[in-house]
């Protein structure tokens, strides 16, 4: 189902605004998914309140891959990255979408460069 089918003929900005109204639900679902990903990455320490950096990195990457799928399904766009013409930093709708999603998850703030790496990895996996 495309974003147009879900939300009618609205712009991506309007859709994101509508989705952002449900941030608490997104944050709760994301936190649950990240904990599940951490358990999958390190079953011996399931339920650990502060997983090690490697486990956290694997969990965040896996969650980002799922968010990229959501982005592709909602907006019918291929995952990609552009660079800001002002400062050359990673930019584009997908980076903004991922940043907005992670902003609602406590203690999780991957860098834009990390998002770029995960986006490239996701594109490689889907090719």
PDB file of N, CA and C in Angstrom:
ATOM      1  N   UNK A   1       0.848  -1.163   0.000  1.00  0.00           N
ATOM      2  CA  UNK A   1       0.000   0.000   0.000  1.00  0.00           C
ATOM      3  C   UNK A   1       0.903   1.237   0.000  1.00  0.00           C
ATOM      4  N   UNK A   2       0.605   2.177  -0.861  1.00  0.00           N
ATOM      5  CA  UNK A   2       1.416   3.381  -0.962  1.00  0.00           C
ATOM      6  C   UNK A   2       0.920   4.453   0.023  1.00  0.00           C
ATOM      7  N   UNK A   3       1.731   5.474   0.196  1.00  0.00           N
ATOM      8  CA  UNK A   3       1.348   6.591   1.067  1.00  0.00           C
ATOM      9  C   UNK A   3       0.093   7.266   0.534  1.00  0.00           C
ATOM     10  N   UNK A   4      -0.009   7.363  -0.795  1.00  0.00           N
ATOM     11  CA  UNK A   4      -1.183   8.004  -1.386  1.00  0.00           C
ATOM     12  C   UNK A   4      -2.450   7.221  -1.043  1.00  0.00           C
ATOM     13  N   UNK A   5      -2.348   5.889  -1.061  1.00  0.00           N
ATOM     14  CA  UNK A   5      -3.510   5.071  -0.709  1.00  0.00           C
ATOM     15  C   UNK A   5      -3.858   5.222   0.765  1.00  0.00           C
ATOM     16  N   UNK A   6      -2.827   5.350   1.615  1.00  0.00           N
ATOM     17  CA  UNK A   6      -3.065   5.486   3.047  1.00  0.00           C
ATOM     18  C   UNK A   6      -3.570   6.871   3.432  1.00  0.00           C
ATOM     19  N   UNK A   7      -2.991   7.890   2.829  1.00  0.00           N
ATOM     20  CA  UNK A   7      -3.239   9.254   3.296  1.00  0.00           C
ATOM     21  C   UNK A   7      -3.906  10.160   2.268  1.00  0.00           C
ATOM     22  N   UNK A   8      -4.257   9.643   1.114  1.00  0.00           N
ATOM     23  CA  UNK A   8      -4.828  10.483   0.076  1.00  0.00           C
ATOM     24  C   UNK A   8      -3.729  11.268  -0.627  1.00  0.00           C
ATOM     25  N   UNK A   9      -4.113  12.256  -1.384  1.00  0.00           N
ATOM     26  CA  UNK A   9      -3.151  13.034  -2.178  1.00  0.00           C
ATOM     27  C   UNK A   9      -2.505  14.122  -1.331  1.00  0.00           C
ATOM     28  N   UNK A  10      -1.744  13.718  -0.342  1.00  0.00           N
ATOM     29  CA  UNK A  10      -1.041  14.669   0.520  1.00  0.00           C
ATOM     30  C   UNK A  10       0.439  14.643   0.181  1.00  0.00           C
ATOM     31  N   UNK A  11       1.106  15.706   0.516  1.00  0.00           N
ATOM     32  CA  UNK A  11       2.550  15.761   0.290  1.00  0.00           C
ATOM     33  C   UNK A  11       3.267  14.920   1.336  1.00  0.00           C
ATOM     34  N   UNK A  12       4.506  14.502   1.043  1.00  0.00           N
ATOM     35  CA  UNK A  12       5.279  13.775   2.051  1.00  0.00           C
ATOM     36  C   UNK A  12       5.405  14.542   3.360  1.00  0.00           C
ATOM     37  N   UNK A  13       5.536  15.858   3.287  1.00  0.00           N
ATOM     38  CA  UNK A  13       5.640  16.663   4.512  1.00  0.00           C
ATOM     39  C   UNK A  13       4.367  16.548   5.346  1.00  0.00           C
ATOM     40  N   UNK A  14       3.210  16.580   4.686  1.00  0.00           N
ATOM     41  CA  UNK A  14       1.943  16.443   5.407  1.00  0.00           C
ATOM     42  C   UNK A  14       1.809  15.053   6.024  1.00  0.00           C
ATOM     43  N   UNK A  15       2.267  14.050   5.302  1.00  0.00           N
ATOM     44  CA  UNK A  15       2.206  12.681   5.818  1.00  0.00           C
ATOM     45  C   UNK A  15       3.093  12.544   7.045  1.00  0.00           C
ATOM     46  N   UNK A  16       4.328  13.074   6.957  1.00  0.00           N
ATOM     47  CA  UNK A  16       5.236  13.001   8.107  1.00  0.00           C
ATOM     48  C   UNK A  16       4.666  13.752   9.292  1.00  0.00           C
ATOM     49  N   UNK A  17       4.021  14.889   9.036  1.00  0.00           N
ATOM     50  CA  UNK A  17       3.406  15.645  10.127  1.00  0.00           C
ATOM     51  C   UNK A  17       2.317  14.805  10.793  1.00  0.00           C
ATOM     52  N   UNK A  18       1.497  14.151   9.990  1.00  0.00           N
ATOM     53  CA  UNK A  18       0.447  13.303  10.550  1.00  0.00           C
ATOM     54  C   UNK A  18       1.064  12.151  11.340  1.00  0.00           C
ATOM     55  N   UNK A  19       2.120  11.549  10.793  1.00  0.00           N
ATOM     56  CA  UNK A  19       2.776  10.447  11.509  1.00  0.00           C
ATOM     57  C   UNK A  19       3.410  10.937  12.807  1.00  0.00           C
ATOM     58  N   UNK A  20       3.947  12.157  12.782  1.00  0.00           N
ATOM     59  CA  UNK A  20       4.621  12.670  13.972  1.00  0.00           C
ATOM     60  C   UNK A  20       3.650  12.886  15.124  1.00  0.00           C
ATOM     61  N   UNK A  21       2.373  12.991  14.820  1.00  0.00           N
ATOM     62  CA  UNK A  21       1.370  13.129  15.877  1.00  0.00           C
ATOM     63  C   UNK A  21       1.272  11.853  16.708  1.00  0.00           C
ATOM     64  N   UNK A  22       1.837  10.789  16.190  1.00  0.00           N
ATOM     65  CA  UNK A  22       1.807   9.510  16.888  1.00  0.00           C
ATOM     66  C   UNK A  22       3.199   9.123  17.374  1.00  0.00           C
ATOM     67  N   UNK A  23       3.986  10.120  17.738  1.00  0.00           N
ATOM     68  CA  UNK A  23       5.379   9.900  18.137  1.00  0.00           C
ATOM     69  C   UNK A  23       5.504   8.986  19.352  1.00  0.00           C
ATOM     70  N   UNK A  24       4.634   9.134  20.308  1.00  0.00           N
ATOM     71  CA  UNK A  24       4.731   8.307  21.513  1.00  0.00           C
ATOM     72  C   UNK A  24       4.580   6.838  21.151  1.00  0.00           C
ATOM     73  N   UNK A  25       3.646   6.544  20.280  1.00  0.00           N
ATOM     74  CA  UNK A  25       3.451   5.163  19.839  1.00  0.00           C
ATOM     75  C   UNK A  25       4.669   4.680  19.068  1.00  0.00           C
ATOM     76  N   UNK A  26       5.216   5.522  18.192  1.00  0.00           N
ATOM     77  CA  UNK A  26       6.412   5.166  17.449  1.00  0.00           C
ATOM     78  C   UNK A  26       7.572   4.891  18.402  1.00  0.00           C
ATOM     79  N   UNK A  27       7.766   5.769  19.381  1.00  0.00           N
ATOM     80  CA  UNK A  27       8.861   5.605  20.332  1.00  0.00           C
ATOM     81  C   UNK A  27       8.712   4.306  21.124  1.00  0.00           C
ATOM     82  N   UNK A  28       7.498   4.008  21.542  1.00  0.00           N
ATOM     83  CA  UNK A  28       7.262   2.772  22.299  1.00  0.00           C
ATOM     84  C   UNK A  28       7.536   1.542  21.435  1.00  0.00           C
ATOM     85  N   UNK A  29       7.044   1.558  20.199  1.00  0.00           N
ATOM     86  CA  UNK A  29       7.274   0.433  19.294  1.00  0.00           C
ATOM     87  C   UNK A  29       8.753   0.300  18.967  1.00  0.00           C
ATOM     88  N   UNK A  30       9.420   1.427  18.751  1.00  0.00           N
ATOM     89  CA  UNK A  30      10.845   1.406  18.420  1.00  0.00           C
ATOM     90  C   UNK A  30      11.670   0.883  19.577  1.00  0.00           C
ATOM     91  N   UNK A  31      11.356   1.322  20.774  1.00  0.00           N
ATOM     92  CA  UNK A  31      12.086   0.858  21.950  1.00  0.00           C
ATOM     93  C   UNK A  31      11.913  -0.646  22.117  1.00  0.00           C
ATOM     94  N   UNK A  32      10.704  -1.133  21.926  1.00  0.00           N
ATOM     95  CA  UNK A  32      10.453  -2.578  22.003  1.00  0.00           C
ATOM     96  C   UNK A  32      11.268  -3.311  20.936  1.00  0.00           C
ATOM     97  N   UNK A  33      11.236  -2.800  19.698  1.00  0.00           N
ATOM     98  CA  UNK A  33      11.954  -3.463  18.607  1.00  0.00           C
ATOM     99  C   UNK A  33      13.458  -3.451  18.850  1.00  0.00           C
ATOM    100  N   UNK A  34      13.989  -2.342  19.351  1.00  0.00           N
ATOM    101  CA  UNK A  34      15.418  -2.274  19.634  1.00  0.00           C
ATOM    102  C   UNK A  34      15.806  -3.291  20.713  1.00  0.00           C
ATOM    103  N   UNK A  35      14.991  -3.428  21.740  1.00  0.00           N
ATOM    104  CA  UNK A  35      15.281  -4.418  22.789  1.00  0.00           C
ATOM    105  C   UNK A  35      15.255  -5.832  22.211  1.00  0.00           C
ATOM    106  N   UNK A  36      14.307  -6.094  21.317  1.00  0.00           N
ATOM    107  CA  UNK A  36      14.244  -7.404  20.675  1.00  0.00           C
ATOM    108  C   UNK A  36      15.479  -7.624  19.809  1.00  0.00           C
ATOM    109  N   UNK A  37      15.896  -6.598  19.072  1.00  0.00           N
ATOM    110  CA  UNK A  37      17.094  -6.704  18.241  1.00  0.00           C
ATOM    111  C   UNK A  37      18.338  -6.944  19.093  1.00  0.00           C
ATOM    112  N   UNK A  38      18.402  -6.290  20.262  1.00  0.00           N
ATOM    113  CA  UNK A  38      19.532  -6.494  21.164  1.00  0.00           C
ATOM    114  C   UNK A  38      19.561  -7.938  21.658  1.00  0.00           C
ATOM    115  N   UNK A  39      18.402  -8.478  21.976  1.00  0.00           N
ATOM    116  CA  UNK A  39      18.314  -9.873  22.424  1.00  0.00           C
ATOM    117  C   UNK A  39      18.752 -10.813  21.301  1.00  0.00           C
ATOM    118  N   UNK A  40      18.318 -10.524  20.079  1.00  0.00           N
ATOM    119  CA  UNK A  40      18.713 -11.353  18.937  1.00  0.00           C
ATOM    120  C   UNK A  40      20.225 -11.283  18.710  1.00  0.00           C
ATOM    121  N   UNK A  41      20.815 -10.096  18.906  1.00  0.00           N
ATOM    122  CA  UNK A  41      22.248  -9.907  18.667  1.00  0.00           C
ATOM    123  C   UNK A  41      23.097 -10.549  19.755  1.00  0.00           C
ATOM    124  N   UNK A  42      22.569 -10.602  20.986  1.00  0.00           N
ATOM    125  CA  UNK A  42      23.340 -11.136  22.108  1.00  0.00           C
ATOM    126  C   UNK A  42      22.411 -11.885  23.058  1.00  0.00           C
ATOM    127  N   UNK A  43      21.969 -13.104  22.660  1.00  0.00           N
ATOM    128  CA  UNK A  43      20.992 -13.848  23.473  1.00  0.00           C
ATOM    129  C   UNK A  43      21.457 -14.142  24.897  1.00  0.00           C
ATOM    130  N   UNK A  44      22.762 -14.225  25.104  1.00  0.00           N
ATOM    131  CA  UNK A  44      23.274 -14.539  26.443  1.00  0.00           C
ATOM    132  C   UNK A  44      23.011 -13.425  27.448  1.00  0.00           C
ATOM    133  N   UNK A  45      22.826 -12.213  26.953  1.00  0.00           N
ATOM    134  CA  UNK A  45      22.586 -11.071  27.846  1.00  0.00           C
ATOM    135  C   UNK A  45      21.206 -10.470  27.619  1.00  0.00           C
ATOM    136  N   UNK A  46      20.245 -11.301  27.269  1.00  0.00           N
ATOM    137  CA  UNK A  46      18.883 -10.823  27.024  1.00  0.00           C
ATOM    138  C   UNK A  46      18.355 -10.092  28.251  1.00  0.00           C
ATOM    139  N   UNK A  47      17.747  -8.955  28.013  1.00  0.00           N
ATOM    140  CA  UNK A  47      17.173  -8.176  29.099  1.00  0.00           C
ATOM    141  C   UNK A  47      18.155  -7.256  29.784  1.00  0.00           C
ATOM    142  N   UNK A  48      19.393  -7.256  29.365  1.00  0.00           N
ATOM    143  CA  UNK A  48      20.407  -6.365  29.936  1.00  0.00           C
ATOM    144  C   UNK A  48      19.986  -4.920  29.683  1.00  0.00           C
ATOM    145  N   UNK A  49      19.932  -4.133  30.732  1.00  0.00           N
ATOM    146  CA  UNK A  49      19.482  -2.739  30.616  1.00  0.00           C
ATOM    147  C   UNK A  49      20.462  -1.861  29.851  1.00  0.00           C
ATOM    148  N   UNK A  50      21.742  -2.208  29.845  1.00  0.00           N
ATOM    149  CA  UNK A  50      22.724  -1.407  29.116  1.00  0.00           C
ATOM    150  C   UNK A  50      23.614  -2.330  28.280  1.00  0.00           C
ATOM    151  N   UNK A  51      23.137  -2.666  27.078  1.00  0.00           N
ATOM    152  CA  UNK A  51      23.904  -3.580  26.235  1.00  0.00           C
ATOM    153  C   UNK A  51      25.223  -2.944  25.806  1.00  0.00           C
ATOM    154  N   UNK A  52      26.184  -3.792  25.454  1.00  0.00           N
ATOM    155  CA  UNK A  52      27.469  -3.258  25.013  1.00  0.00           C
ATOM    156  C   UNK A  52      27.305  -2.540  23.674  1.00  0.00           C
ATOM    157  N   UNK A  53      28.330  -1.787  23.292  1.00  0.00           N
ATOM    158  CA  UNK A  53      28.264  -0.945  22.093  1.00  0.00           C
ATOM    159  C   UNK A  53      28.016  -1.764  20.828  1.00  0.00           C
ATOM    160  N   UNK A  54      28.649  -2.933  20.716  1.00  0.00           N
ATOM    161  CA  UNK A  54      28.465  -3.757  19.517  1.00  0.00           C
ATOM    162  C   UNK A  54      27.029  -4.248  19.395  1.00  0.00           C
ATOM    163  N   UNK A  55      26.463  -4.707  20.497  1.00  0.00           N
ATOM    164  CA  UNK A  55      25.078  -5.177  20.489  1.00  0.00           C
ATOM    165  C   UNK A  55      24.136  -4.039  20.137  1.00  0.00           C
ATOM    166  N   UNK A  56      24.375  -2.870  20.704  1.00  0.00           N
ATOM    167  CA  UNK A  56      23.543  -1.711  20.432  1.00  0.00           C
ATOM    168  C   UNK A  56      23.655  -1.303  18.958  1.00  0.00           C
ATOM    169  N   UNK A  57      24.854  -1.349  18.413  1.00  0.00           N
ATOM    170  CA  UNK A  57      25.081  -0.992  17.010  1.00  0.00           C
ATOM    171  C   UNK A  57      24.331  -1.945  16.079  1.00  0.00           C
ATOM    172  N   UNK A  58      24.388  -3.236  16.366  1.00  0.00           N
ATOM    173  CA  UNK A  58      23.682  -4.236  15.560  1.00  0.00           C
ATOM    174  C   UNK A  58      22.171  -3.996  15.646  1.00  0.00           C
ATOM    175  N   UNK A  59      21.676  -3.741  16.839  1.00  0.00           N
ATOM    176  CA  UNK A  59      20.242  -3.507  17.032  1.00  0.00           C
ATOM    177  C   UNK A  59      19.790  -2.261  16.283  1.00  0.00           C
ATOM    178  N   UNK A  60      20.568  -1.186  16.371  1.00  0.00           N
ATOM    179  CA  UNK A  60      20.210   0.054  15.669  1.00  0.00           C
ATOM    180  C   UNK A  60      20.240  -0.138  14.159  1.00  0.00           C
ATOM    181  N   UNK A  61      21.232  -0.856  13.662  1.00  0.00           N
ATOM    182  CA  UNK A  61      21.327  -1.098  12.216  1.00  0.00           C
ATOM    183  C   UNK A  61      20.113  -1.881  11.732  1.00  0.00           C
ATOM    184  N   UNK A  62      19.775  -2.931  12.463  1.00  0.00           N
ATOM    185  CA  UNK A  62      18.628  -3.765  12.078  1.00  0.00           C
ATOM    186  C   UNK A  62      17.340  -2.935  12.097  1.00  0.00           C
ATOM    187  N   UNK A  63      17.194  -2.105  13.110  1.00  0.00           N
ATOM    188  CA  UNK A  63      16.001  -1.257  13.195  1.00  0.00           C
ATOM    189  C   UNK A  63      15.982  -0.249  12.042  1.00  0.00           C
ATOM    190  N   UNK A  64      17.146   0.299  11.698  1.00  0.00           N
ATOM    191  CA  UNK A  64      17.224   1.251  10.592  1.00  0.00           C
ATOM    192  C   UNK A  64      16.824   0.577   9.282  1.00  0.00           C
ATOM    193  N   UNK A  65      17.244  -0.666   9.069  1.00  0.00           N
ATOM    194  CA  UNK A  65      16.842  -1.381   7.860  1.00  0.00           C
ATOM    195  C   UNK A  65      15.319  -1.487   7.788  1.00  0.00           C
ATOM    196  N   UNK A  66      14.689  -1.732   8.930  1.00  0.00           N
ATOM    197  CA  UNK A  66      13.221  -1.809   8.954  1.00  0.00           C
ATOM    198  C   UNK A  66      12.596  -0.443   8.656  1.00  0.00           C
ATOM    199  N   UNK A  67      13.173   0.624   9.215  1.00  0.00           N
ATOM    200  CA  UNK A  67      12.661   1.968   8.934  1.00  0.00           C
ATOM    201  C   UNK A  67      12.810   2.322   7.458  1.00  0.00           C
ATOM    202  N   UNK A  68      13.895   1.889   6.845  1.00  0.00           N
ATOM    203  CA  UNK A  68      14.085   2.141   5.414  1.00  0.00           C
ATOM    204  C   UNK A  68      12.989   1.443   4.612  1.00  0.00           C
ATOM    205  N   UNK A  69      12.627   0.222   5.011  1.00  0.00           N
ATOM    206  CA  UNK A  69      11.532  -0.482   4.340  1.00  0.00           C
ATOM    207  C   UNK A  69      10.226   0.297   4.485  1.00  0.00           C
ATOM    208  N   UNK A  70       9.978   0.828   5.680  1.00  0.00           N
ATOM    209  CA  UNK A  70       8.769   1.632   5.915  1.00  0.00           C
ATOM    210  C   UNK A  70       8.785   2.849   4.994  1.00  0.00           C
ATOM    211  N   UNK A  71       9.923   3.531   4.924  1.00  0.00           N
ATOM    212  CA  UNK A  71      10.065   4.711   4.071  1.00  0.00           C
ATOM    213  C   UNK A  71       9.767   4.364   2.613  1.00  0.00           C
ATOM    214  N   UNK A  72      10.363   3.284   2.124  1.00  0.00           N
ATOM    215  CA  UNK A  72      10.158   2.873   0.726  1.00  0.00           C
ATOM    216  C   UNK A  72       8.687   2.549   0.488  1.00  0.00           C
ATOM    217  N   UNK A  73       8.063   1.821   1.416  1.00  0.00           N
ATOM    218  CA  UNK A  73       6.653   1.461   1.265  1.00  0.00           C
ATOM    219  C   UNK A  73       5.745   2.676   1.316  1.00  0.00           C
ATOM    220  N   UNK A  74       5.992   3.586   2.255  1.00  0.00           N
ATOM    221  CA  UNK A  74       5.119   4.757   2.414  1.00  0.00           C
ATOM    222  C   UNK A  74       5.248   5.759   1.279  1.00  0.00           C
ATOM    223  N   UNK A  75       6.480   6.014   0.870  1.00  0.00           N
ATOM    224  CA  UNK A  75       6.705   7.094  -0.079  1.00  0.00           C
ATOM    225  C   UNK A  75       7.021   6.613  -1.492  1.00  0.00           C
ATOM    226  N   UNK A  76       7.092   5.291  -1.688  1.00  0.00           N
ATOM    227  CA  UNK A  76       7.380   4.713  -3.002  1.00  0.00           C
ATOM    228  C   UNK A  76       8.623   5.352  -3.626  1.00  0.00           C
ATOM    229  N   UNK A  77       9.650   5.507  -2.814  1.00  0.00           N
ATOM    230  CA  UNK A  77      10.910   6.090  -3.274  1.00  0.00           C
ATOM    231  C   UNK A  77      12.037   5.135  -2.930  1.00  0.00           C
ATOM    232  N   UNK A  78      13.039   5.123  -3.781  1.00  0.00           N
ATOM    233  CA  UNK A  78      14.224   4.313  -3.509  1.00  0.00           C
ATOM    234  C   UNK A  78      15.040   4.981  -2.413  1.00  0.00           C
ATOM    235  N   UNK A  79      15.665   4.180  -1.551  1.00  0.00           N
ATOM    236  CA  UNK A  79      16.495   4.780  -0.512  1.00  0.00           C
ATOM    237  C   UNK A  79      17.731   5.426  -1.140  1.00  0.00           C
ATOM    238  N   UNK A  80      18.017   6.609  -0.733  1.00  0.00           N
ATOM    239  CA  UNK A  80      19.184   7.304  -1.256  1.00  0.00           C
ATOM    240  C   UNK A  80      19.603   8.419  -0.329  1.00  0.00           C
ATOM    241  N   UNK A  81      20.740   9.001  -0.645  1.00  0.00           N
ATOM    242  CA  UNK A  81      21.300  10.072   0.170  1.00  0.00           C
ATOM    243  C   UNK A  81      21.819  11.149  -0.763  1.00  0.00           C
ATOM    244  N   UNK A  82      21.607  12.374  -0.381  1.00  0.00           N
ATOM    245  CA  UNK A  82      22.215  13.487  -1.101  1.00  0.00           C
ATOM    246  C   UNK A  82      23.091  14.239  -0.116  1.00  0.00           C
ATOM    247  N   UNK A  83      23.800  15.217  -0.626  1.00  0.00           N
ATOM    248  CA  UNK A  83      24.650  16.029   0.239  1.00  0.00           C
ATOM    249  C   UNK A  83      24.187  17.469   0.189  1.00  0.00           C
ATOM    250  N   UNK A  84      24.264  18.123   1.319  1.00  0.00           N
ATOM    251  CA  UNK A  84      23.902  19.525   1.412  1.00  0.00           C
ATOM    252  C   UNK A  84      24.847  20.353   0.537  1.00  0.00           C
ATOM    253  N   UNK A  85      24.266  21.257  -0.235  1.00  0.00           N
ATOM    254  CA  UNK A  85      25.104  22.128  -1.072  1.00  0.00           C
ATOM    255  C   UNK A  85      25.817  23.180  -0.229  1.00  0.00           C
ATOM    256  N   UNK A  86      25.377  23.356   0.996  1.00  0.00           N
ATOM    257  CA  UNK A  86      25.977  24.369   1.873  1.00  0.00           C
ATOM    258  C   UNK A  86      27.212  23.832   2.584  1.00  0.00           C
ATOM    259  N   UNK A  87      27.060  22.673   3.244  1.00  0.00           N
ATOM    260  CA  UNK A  87      28.183  22.174   4.042  1.00  0.00           C
ATOM    261  C   UNK A  87      28.651  20.765   3.654  1.00  0.00           C
ATOM    262  N   UNK A  88      28.019  20.163   2.644  1.00  0.00           N
ATOM    263  CA  UNK A  88      28.447  18.849   2.178  1.00  0.00           C
ATOM    264  C   UNK A  88      28.061  17.686   3.073  1.00  0.00           C
ATOM    265  N   UNK A  89      27.283  17.960   4.112  1.00  0.00           N
ATOM    266  CA  UNK A  89      26.865  16.888   5.025  1.00  0.00           C
ATOM    267  C   UNK A  89      25.748  16.064   4.394  1.00  0.00           C
ATOM    268  N   UNK A  90      25.627  14.802   4.817  1.00  0.00           N
ATOM    269  CA  UNK A  90      24.541  13.958   4.297  1.00  0.00           C
ATOM    270  C   UNK A  90      23.190  14.618   4.542  1.00  0.00           C
ATOM    271  N   UNK A  91      22.319  14.494   3.552  1.00  0.00           N
ATOM    272  CA  UNK A  91      21.029  15.145   3.623  1.00  0.00           C
ATOM    273  C   UNK A  91      20.025  14.325   2.822  1.00  0.00           C
ATOM    274  N   UNK A  92      18.844  14.844   2.690  1.00  0.00           N
ATOM    275  CA  UNK A  92      17.815  14.210   1.886  1.00  0.00           C
ATOM    276  C   UNK A  92      16.659  13.727   2.731  1.00  0.00           C
ATOM    277  N   UNK A  93      15.573  13.377   2.060  1.00  0.00           N
ATOM    278  CA  UNK A  93      14.364  12.981   2.781  1.00  0.00           C
ATOM    279  C   UNK A  93      14.534  11.756   3.661  1.00  0.00           C
ATOM    280  N   UNK A  94      15.289  10.764   3.203  1.00  0.00           N
ATOM    281  CA  UNK A  94      15.453   9.554   4.011  1.00  0.00           C
ATOM    282  C   UNK A  94      16.260   9.839   5.270  1.00  0.00           C
ATOM    283  N   UNK A  95      17.321  10.617   5.151  1.00  0.00           N
ATOM    284  CA  UNK A  95      18.111  10.986   6.343  1.00  0.00           C
ATOM    285  C   UNK A  95      17.217  11.736   7.333  1.00  0.00           C
ATOM    286  N   UNK A  96      16.420  12.670   6.835  1.00  0.00           N
ATOM    287  CA  UNK A  96      15.519  13.431   7.730  1.00  0.00           C
ATOM    288  C   UNK A  96      14.490  12.503   8.379  1.00  0.00           C
ATOM    289  N   UNK A  97      13.966  11.546   7.615  1.00  0.00           N
ATOM    290  CA  UNK A  97      13.002  10.581   8.151  1.00  0.00           C
ATOM    291  C   UNK A  97      13.638   9.746   9.262  1.00  0.00           C
ATOM    292  N   UNK A  98      14.839   9.209   9.010  1.00  0.00           N
ATOM    293  CA  UNK A  98      15.512   8.393  10.020  1.00  0.00           C
ATOM    294  C   UNK A  98      15.839   9.215  11.260  1.00  0.00           C
ATOM    295  N   UNK A  99      16.339  10.422  11.058  1.00  0.00           N
ATOM    296  CA  UNK A  99      16.671  11.288  12.194  1.00  0.00           C
ATOM    297  C   UNK A  99      15.414  11.579  13.021  1.00  0.00           C
ATOM    298  N   UNK A 100      14.299  11.859  12.336  1.00  0.00           N
ATOM    299  CA  UNK A 100      13.046  12.154  13.046  1.00  0.00           C
ATOM    300  C   UNK A 100      12.590  10.943  13.857  1.00  0.00           C
ATOM    301  N   UNK A 101      12.720   9.757  13.291  1.00  0.00           N
ATOM    302  CA  UNK A 101      12.324   8.546  14.023  1.00  0.00           C
ATOM    303  C   UNK A 101      13.217   8.334  15.242  1.00  0.00           C
ATOM    304  N   UNK A 102      14.524   8.434  15.068  1.00  0.00           N
ATOM    305  CA  UNK A 102      15.441   8.191  16.184  1.00  0.00           C
ATOM    306  C   UNK A 102      15.371   9.288  17.241  1.00  0.00           C
ATOM    307  N   UNK A 103      14.916  10.475  16.879  1.00  0.00           N
ATOM    308  CA  UNK A 103      14.780  11.551  17.869  1.00  0.00           C
ATOM    309  C   UNK A 103      13.781  11.197  18.965  1.00  0.00           C
ATOM    310  N   UNK A 104      12.912  10.242  18.692  1.00  0.00           N
ATOM    311  CA  UNK A 104      11.882   9.867  19.665  1.00  0.00           C
ATOM    312  C   UNK A 104      12.245   8.624  20.468  1.00  0.00           C
ATOM    313  N   UNK A 105      13.470   8.147  20.291  1.00  0.00           N
ATOM    314  CA  UNK A 105      13.909   6.959  21.007  1.00  0.00           C
ATOM    315  C   UNK A 105      14.970   7.378  22.024  1.00  0.00           C
ATOM    316  N   UNK A 106      14.720   7.141  23.289  1.00  0.00           N
ATOM    317  CA  UNK A 106      15.675   7.563  24.316  1.00  0.00           C
ATOM    318  C   UNK A 106      17.060   6.940  24.118  1.00  0.00           C
ATOM    319  N   UNK A 107      18.082   7.760  24.284  1.00  0.00           N
ATOM    320  CA  UNK A 107      19.484   7.325  24.273  1.00  0.00           C
ATOM    321  C   UNK A 107      19.946   6.711  22.962  1.00  0.00           C
ATOM    322  N   UNK A 108      19.307   7.049  21.866  1.00  0.00           N
ATOM    323  CA  UNK A 108      19.711   6.529  20.559  1.00  0.00           C
ATOM    324  C   UNK A 108      19.866   7.705  19.602  1.00  0.00           C
ATOM    325  N   UNK A 109      21.072   7.956  19.138  1.00  0.00           N
ATOM    326  CA  UNK A 109      21.277   9.060  18.196  1.00  0.00           C
ATOM    327  C   UNK A 109      22.442   8.756  17.254  1.00  0.00           C
ATOM    328  N   UNK A 110      22.229   7.828  16.310  1.00  0.00           N
ATOM    329  CA  UNK A 110      23.282   7.557  15.337  1.00  0.00           C
ATOM    330  C   UNK A 110      23.614   8.820  14.538  1.00  0.00           C
ATOM    331  N   UNK A 111      24.852   8.926  14.109  1.00  0.00           N
ATOM    332  CA  UNK A 111      25.256  10.079  13.306  1.00  0.00           C
ATOM    333  C   UNK A 111      24.708   9.941  11.885  1.00  0.00           C
ATOM    334  N   UNK A 112      24.680  11.053  11.163  1.00  0.00           N
ATOM    335  CA  UNK A 112      24.236  11.004   9.775  1.00  0.00           C
ATOM    336  C   UNK A 112      25.152  10.101   8.948  1.00  0.00           C
ATOM    337  N   UNK A 113      26.445  10.104   9.256  1.00  0.00           N
ATOM    338  CA  UNK A 113      27.378   9.237   8.540  1.00  0.00           C
ATOM    339  C   UNK A 113      27.056   7.761   8.784  1.00  0.00           C
ATOM    340  N   UNK A 114      26.629   7.447   9.992  1.00  0.00           N
ATOM    341  CA  UNK A 114      26.215   6.072  10.297  1.00  0.00           C
ATOM    342  C   UNK A 114      24.959   5.723   9.505  1.00  0.00           C
ATOM    343  N   UNK A 115      24.007   6.660   9.438  1.00  0.00           N
ATOM    344  CA  UNK A 115      22.809   6.426   8.623  1.00  0.00           C
ATOM    345  C   UNK A 115      23.198   6.163   7.169  1.00  0.00           C
ATOM    346  N   UNK A 116      24.138   6.941   6.637  1.00  0.00           N
ATOM    347  CA  UNK A 116      24.579   6.755   5.248  1.00  0.00           C
ATOM    348  C   UNK A 116      25.130   5.344   5.057  1.00  0.00           C
ATOM    349  N   UNK A 117      25.962   4.897   5.993  1.00  0.00           N
ATOM    350  CA  UNK A 117      26.533   3.547   5.903  1.00  0.00           C
ATOM    351  C   UNK A 117      25.421   2.495   5.896  1.00  0.00           C
ATOM    352  N   UNK A 118      24.437   2.655   6.784  1.00  0.00           N
ATOM    353  CA  UNK A 118      23.344   1.687   6.863  1.00  0.00           C
ATOM    354  C   UNK A 118      22.460   1.744   5.620  1.00  0.00           C
ATOM    355  N   UNK A 119      22.238   2.935   5.075  1.00  0.00           N
ATOM    356  CA  UNK A 119      21.435   3.061   3.852  1.00  0.00           C
ATOM    357  C   UNK A 119      22.136   2.327   2.713  1.00  0.00           C
ATOM    358  N   UNK A 120      23.441   2.535   2.586  1.00  0.00           N
ATOM    359  CA  UNK A 120      24.196   1.838   1.532  1.00  0.00           C
ATOM    360  C   UNK A 120      24.136   0.323   1.734  1.00  0.00           C
ATOM    361  N   UNK A 121      24.254  -0.107   2.970  1.00  0.00           N
ATOM    362  CA  UNK A 121      24.173  -1.546   3.256  1.00  0.00           C
ATOM    363  C   UNK A 121      22.786  -2.084   2.915  1.00  0.00           C
ATOM    364  N   UNK A 122      21.751  -1.325   3.243  1.00  0.00           N
ATOM    365  CA  UNK A 122      20.381  -1.749   2.932  1.00  0.00           C
ATOM    366  C   UNK A 122      20.172  -1.854   1.422  1.00  0.00           C
ATOM    367  N   UNK A 123      20.732  -0.896   0.674  1.00  0.00           N
ATOM    368  CA  UNK A 123      20.615  -0.935  -0.782  1.00  0.00           C
ATOM    369  C   UNK A 123      21.340  -2.155  -1.353  1.00  0.00           C
ATOM    370  N   UNK A 124      22.504  -2.490  -0.778  1.00  0.00           N
ATOM    371  CA  UNK A 124      23.264  -3.653  -1.216  1.00  0.00           C
ATOM    372  C   UNK A 124      22.482  -4.935  -0.941  1.00  0.00           C
ATOM    373  N   UNK A 125      21.844  -4.994   0.218  1.00  0.00           N
ATOM    374  CA  UNK A 125      21.064  -6.191   0.588  1.00  0.00           C
ATOM    375  C   UNK A 125      19.876  -6.387  -0.338  1.00  0.00           C
ATOM    376  N   UNK A 126      19.250  -5.285  -0.765  1.00  0.00           N
ATOM    377  CA  UNK A 126      18.049  -5.401  -1.580  1.00  0.00           C
ATOM    378  C   UNK A 126      18.359  -5.560  -3.068  1.00  0.00           C
ATOM    379  N   UNK A 127      19.621  -5.397  -3.438  1.00  0.00           N
ATOM    380  CA  UNK A 127      19.993  -5.509  -4.866  1.00  0.00           C
ATOM    381  C   UNK A 127      20.063  -6.947  -5.322  1.00  0.00           C
TER     382      UNK A 127
END
